[in-house]
Amino acid sequence: MTAAPQPATQVVTVQVRYFAGARAAAGVPEETVRLSRPATVADALAAALAARDDGKLARVVEACSFLLDGLAVHDRGAAIEADTTLDVLPPFAGG
């Protein structure tokens, strides 16, 4: 008797782009994270933070706002449905 085929894990790719102070804290302008579905903005951030152990980026991210494919995201629990771009924007002075 053969086992039933297992469904392929669905993966979503998120291009995380950092701006201003977030870029300085990350040490890179952008990176790609791959997540199993279902995925959220919080999952993408957690994956990006997991690559670092100095805490700098984690502190900056707490104050950041985010764009998901150019649209403002206010809920870190927002679902990421397809391969997408997540922009990490720290507060900007001046205005």
N, C-alpha and C. Protein backbone atom coordinates (compact mmCIF):
# COMPACT_ATOMS: atom_id res chain seq x y z
N MET A 1 0.85 -1.17 0.00
CA MET A 1 0.00 0.00 0.00
C MET A 1 0.90 1.24 0.00
N THR A 2 0.61 2.18 -0.88
CA THR A 2 1.42 3.39 -0.94
C THR A 2 0.72 4.52 -0.19
N ALA A 3 1.52 5.37 0.37
CA ALA A 3 0.98 6.50 1.11
C ALA A 3 0.43 7.54 0.14
N ALA A 4 -0.59 8.22 0.57
CA ALA A 4 -1.16 9.30 -0.23
C ALA A 4 -0.12 10.41 -0.36
N PRO A 5 -0.05 11.03 -1.52
CA PRO A 5 0.93 12.12 -1.66
C PRO A 5 0.60 13.27 -0.73
N GLN A 6 1.63 13.82 -0.17
CA GLN A 6 1.48 14.96 0.73
C GLN A 6 1.38 16.23 -0.10
N PRO A 7 0.51 17.15 0.28
CA PRO A 7 0.42 18.40 -0.47
C PRO A 7 1.71 19.20 -0.30
N ALA A 8 2.12 19.83 -1.36
CA ALA A 8 3.33 20.66 -1.31
C ALA A 8 3.07 21.84 -0.38
N THR A 9 4.07 22.16 0.41
CA THR A 9 3.94 23.31 1.29
C THR A 9 3.88 24.56 0.43
N GLN A 10 2.89 25.36 0.66
CA GLN A 10 2.78 26.60 -0.09
C GLN A 10 3.67 27.63 0.57
N VAL A 11 4.49 28.25 -0.24
CA VAL A 11 5.45 29.22 0.26
C VAL A 11 5.14 30.58 -0.36
N VAL A 12 5.26 31.59 0.46
CA VAL A 12 5.14 32.97 -0.01
C VAL A 12 6.50 33.63 0.17
N THR A 13 6.90 34.39 -0.82
CA THR A 13 8.17 35.11 -0.77
C THR A 13 7.88 36.58 -0.50
N VAL A 14 8.57 37.14 0.48
CA VAL A 14 8.39 38.54 0.83
C VAL A 14 9.72 39.27 0.67
N GLN A 15 9.72 40.29 -0.15
CA GLN A 15 10.89 41.15 -0.29
C GLN A 15 10.74 42.25 0.76
N VAL A 16 11.59 42.25 1.77
CA VAL A 16 11.52 43.23 2.85
C VAL A 16 12.51 44.34 2.53
N ARG A 17 12.00 45.56 2.40
CA ARG A 17 12.86 46.71 2.09
C ARG A 17 12.88 47.65 3.29
N TYR A 18 14.10 48.06 3.65
CA TYR A 18 14.29 48.92 4.82
C TYR A 18 14.63 50.34 4.37
N PHE A 19 14.11 51.32 5.09
CA PHE A 19 14.37 52.71 4.77
C PHE A 19 14.93 53.44 5.99
N ALA A 20 15.78 54.43 5.71
CA ALA A 20 16.35 55.33 6.72
C ALA A 20 16.94 54.56 7.90
N GLY A 21 16.48 54.84 9.12
CA GLY A 21 17.03 54.22 10.32
C GLY A 21 16.85 52.71 10.35
N ALA A 22 15.81 52.22 9.71
CA ALA A 22 15.61 50.77 9.65
C ALA A 22 16.69 50.13 8.79
N ARG A 23 17.08 50.80 7.72
CA ARG A 23 18.16 50.30 6.86
C ARG A 23 19.47 50.27 7.64
N ALA A 24 19.73 51.32 8.39
CA ALA A 24 20.96 51.35 9.19
C ALA A 24 20.97 50.23 10.23
N ALA A 25 19.85 50.01 10.88
CA ALA A 25 19.76 48.98 11.91
C ALA A 25 19.85 47.57 11.31
N ALA A 26 19.28 47.38 10.12
CA ALA A 26 19.31 46.07 9.47
C ALA A 26 20.68 45.76 8.89
N GLY A 27 21.36 46.81 8.47
CA GLY A 27 22.67 46.61 7.84
C GLY A 27 22.58 46.22 6.37
N VAL A 28 21.37 46.15 5.85
CA VAL A 28 21.14 45.84 4.43
C VAL A 28 19.95 46.68 3.95
N PRO A 29 19.92 47.01 2.67
CA PRO A 29 18.77 47.77 2.17
C PRO A 29 17.51 46.92 2.00
N GLU A 30 17.70 45.63 1.76
CA GLU A 30 16.56 44.74 1.57
C GLU A 30 17.00 43.30 1.72
N GLU A 31 16.02 42.44 1.91
CA GLU A 31 16.28 41.00 2.00
C GLU A 31 15.01 40.25 1.64
N THR A 32 15.18 39.00 1.30
CA THR A 32 14.04 38.16 0.94
C THR A 32 13.83 37.12 2.04
N VAL A 33 12.58 37.00 2.48
CA VAL A 33 12.23 35.95 3.43
C VAL A 33 11.17 35.07 2.77
N ARG A 34 11.24 33.80 3.10
CA ARG A 34 10.27 32.83 2.58
C ARG A 34 9.50 32.26 3.76
N LEU A 35 8.18 32.26 3.62
CA LEU A 35 7.30 31.84 4.71
C LEU A 35 6.32 30.81 4.22
N SER A 36 5.96 29.90 5.11
CA SER A 36 4.88 28.96 4.81
C SER A 36 3.56 29.68 4.96
N ARG A 37 2.61 29.32 4.12
CA ARG A 37 1.27 29.90 4.23
C ARG A 37 0.49 29.15 5.27
N PRO A 38 -0.41 29.80 5.97
CA PRO A 38 -0.73 31.21 5.90
C PRO A 38 0.36 32.04 6.58
N ALA A 39 0.58 33.23 6.05
CA ALA A 39 1.63 34.10 6.56
C ALA A 39 1.05 35.49 6.84
N THR A 40 1.68 36.18 7.78
CA THR A 40 1.25 37.53 8.15
C THR A 40 2.45 38.48 8.09
N VAL A 41 2.15 39.76 8.21
CA VAL A 41 3.21 40.77 8.30
C VAL A 41 4.11 40.46 9.50
N ALA A 42 3.51 40.08 10.62
CA ALA A 42 4.29 39.73 11.82
C ALA A 42 5.23 38.56 11.54
N ASP A 43 4.79 37.58 10.76
CA ASP A 43 5.64 36.44 10.41
C ASP A 43 6.84 36.90 9.58
N ALA A 44 6.61 37.79 8.63
CA ALA A 44 7.70 38.31 7.79
C ALA A 44 8.70 39.07 8.64
N LEU A 45 8.20 39.89 9.56
CA LEU A 45 9.10 40.64 10.44
C LEU A 45 9.89 39.70 11.35
N ALA A 46 9.23 38.70 11.89
CA ALA A 46 9.91 37.73 12.76
C ALA A 46 11.01 37.00 12.01
N ALA A 47 10.75 36.63 10.77
CA ALA A 47 11.76 35.95 9.96
C ALA A 47 12.96 36.87 9.70
N ALA A 48 12.69 38.14 9.42
CA ALA A 48 13.77 39.09 9.19
C ALA A 48 14.58 39.32 10.46
N LEU A 49 13.89 39.43 11.59
CA LEU A 49 14.58 39.67 12.86
C LEU A 49 15.38 38.46 13.32
N ALA A 50 14.93 37.27 12.95
CA ALA A 50 15.61 36.04 13.38
C ALA A 50 17.04 35.95 12.85
N ALA A 51 17.31 36.66 11.76
CA ALA A 51 18.65 36.63 11.18
C ALA A 51 19.64 37.51 11.94
N ARG A 52 19.14 38.25 12.92
CA ARG A 52 19.98 39.18 13.67
C ARG A 52 19.85 38.90 15.16
N ASP A 53 20.93 39.12 15.87
CA ASP A 53 20.85 38.87 17.31
C ASP A 53 21.30 40.06 18.15
N ASP A 54 21.46 41.22 17.52
CA ASP A 54 21.93 42.37 18.28
C ASP A 54 20.80 43.25 18.83
N GLY A 55 19.57 43.03 18.38
CA GLY A 55 18.42 43.77 18.90
C GLY A 55 18.20 45.14 18.30
N LYS A 56 19.15 45.65 17.51
CA LYS A 56 18.99 47.00 16.95
C LYS A 56 17.74 47.11 16.07
N LEU A 57 17.62 46.20 15.13
CA LEU A 57 16.48 46.27 14.22
C LEU A 57 15.17 46.05 14.96
N ALA A 58 15.15 45.15 15.93
CA ALA A 58 13.93 44.90 16.70
C ALA A 58 13.45 46.18 17.38
N ARG A 59 14.36 46.96 17.92
CA ARG A 59 13.98 48.21 18.58
C ARG A 59 13.41 49.21 17.58
N VAL A 60 14.02 49.29 16.41
CA VAL A 60 13.55 50.23 15.39
C VAL A 60 12.17 49.80 14.85
N VAL A 61 12.01 48.51 14.60
CA VAL A 61 10.76 48.00 14.03
C VAL A 61 9.56 48.31 14.91
N GLU A 62 9.76 48.36 16.21
CA GLU A 62 8.65 48.67 17.12
C GLU A 62 7.99 50.00 16.80
N ALA A 63 8.77 50.96 16.27
CA ALA A 63 8.24 52.29 15.98
C ALA A 63 7.88 52.48 14.50
N CYS A 64 8.08 51.47 13.70
CA CYS A 64 7.91 51.60 12.25
C CYS A 64 6.46 51.47 11.80
N SER A 65 6.24 51.99 10.61
CA SER A 65 5.00 51.73 9.88
C SER A 65 5.39 50.88 8.67
N PHE A 66 4.38 50.31 8.02
CA PHE A 66 4.65 49.34 6.97
C PHE A 66 3.76 49.57 5.76
N LEU A 67 4.31 49.26 4.60
CA LEU A 67 3.55 49.24 3.37
C LEU A 67 3.64 47.84 2.80
N LEU A 68 2.53 47.28 2.42
CA LEU A 68 2.47 45.96 1.79
C LEU A 68 2.05 46.20 0.35
N ASP A 69 2.99 46.00 -0.56
CA ASP A 69 2.76 46.32 -1.98
C ASP A 69 2.24 47.74 -2.15
N GLY A 70 2.82 48.67 -1.40
CA GLY A 70 2.48 50.08 -1.53
C GLY A 70 1.28 50.56 -0.74
N LEU A 71 0.59 49.66 -0.06
CA LEU A 71 -0.58 50.05 0.73
C LEU A 71 -0.26 49.98 2.22
N ALA A 72 -0.66 51.01 2.95
CA ALA A 72 -0.40 51.07 4.38
C ALA A 72 -1.03 49.88 5.10
N VAL A 73 -0.26 49.31 6.02
CA VAL A 73 -0.71 48.19 6.84
C VAL A 73 -0.62 48.63 8.30
N HIS A 74 -1.74 48.60 9.00
CA HIS A 74 -1.77 49.02 10.40
C HIS A 74 -1.84 47.83 11.35
N ASP A 75 -2.10 46.67 10.82
CA ASP A 75 -2.25 45.46 11.62
C ASP A 75 -1.17 44.46 11.23
N ARG A 76 -0.28 44.16 12.17
CA ARG A 76 0.80 43.21 11.88
C ARG A 76 0.26 41.80 11.68
N GLY A 77 -0.98 41.59 12.03
CA GLY A 77 -1.61 40.30 11.79
C GLY A 77 -2.21 40.19 10.40
N ALA A 78 -2.03 41.23 9.59
CA ALA A 78 -2.57 41.22 8.23
C ALA A 78 -1.96 40.08 7.42
N ALA A 79 -2.80 39.40 6.67
CA ALA A 79 -2.37 38.25 5.88
C ALA A 79 -1.55 38.69 4.67
N ILE A 80 -0.57 37.88 4.36
CA ILE A 80 0.19 38.03 3.13
C ILE A 80 -0.26 36.89 2.24
N GLU A 81 -0.95 37.23 1.18
CA GLU A 81 -1.60 36.22 0.34
C GLU A 81 -0.72 35.73 -0.80
N ALA A 82 0.19 36.55 -1.28
CA ALA A 82 1.00 36.19 -2.44
C ALA A 82 2.38 36.79 -2.29
N ASP A 83 3.26 36.44 -3.21
CA ASP A 83 4.59 37.03 -3.17
C ASP A 83 4.43 38.54 -3.22
N THR A 84 5.16 39.23 -2.34
CA THR A 84 4.87 40.65 -2.13
C THR A 84 6.10 41.40 -1.66
N THR A 85 5.94 42.71 -1.52
CA THR A 85 6.99 43.58 -0.99
C THR A 85 6.48 44.23 0.29
N LEU A 86 7.30 44.16 1.32
CA LEU A 86 6.98 44.79 2.61
C LEU A 86 8.00 45.89 2.85
N ASP A 87 7.56 47.14 2.89
CA ASP A 87 8.45 48.26 3.18
C ASP A 87 8.38 48.58 4.67
N VAL A 88 9.56 48.74 5.28
CA VAL A 88 9.67 49.04 6.70
C VAL A 88 10.12 50.49 6.82
N LEU A 89 9.23 51.33 7.34
CA LEU A 89 9.43 52.78 7.36
C LEU A 89 9.48 53.31 8.79
N PRO A 90 10.65 53.75 9.24
CA PRO A 90 10.70 54.35 10.57
C PRO A 90 10.06 55.73 10.54
N PRO A 91 9.74 56.28 11.71
CA PRO A 91 9.19 57.64 11.74
C PRO A 91 10.21 58.62 11.14
N PHE A 92 9.70 59.56 10.38
CA PHE A 92 10.57 60.55 9.77
C PHE A 92 10.35 61.88 10.48
N ALA A 93 11.43 62.56 10.77
CA ALA A 93 11.35 63.88 11.41
C ALA A 93 11.10 64.94 10.33
N GLY A 94 10.51 66.01 10.71
CA GLY A 94 10.37 67.12 9.79
C GLY A 94 8.98 67.22 9.21
N GLY A 95 8.64 66.32 8.33
CA GLY A 95 7.30 66.25 7.84
C GLY A 95 6.94 66.96 6.66
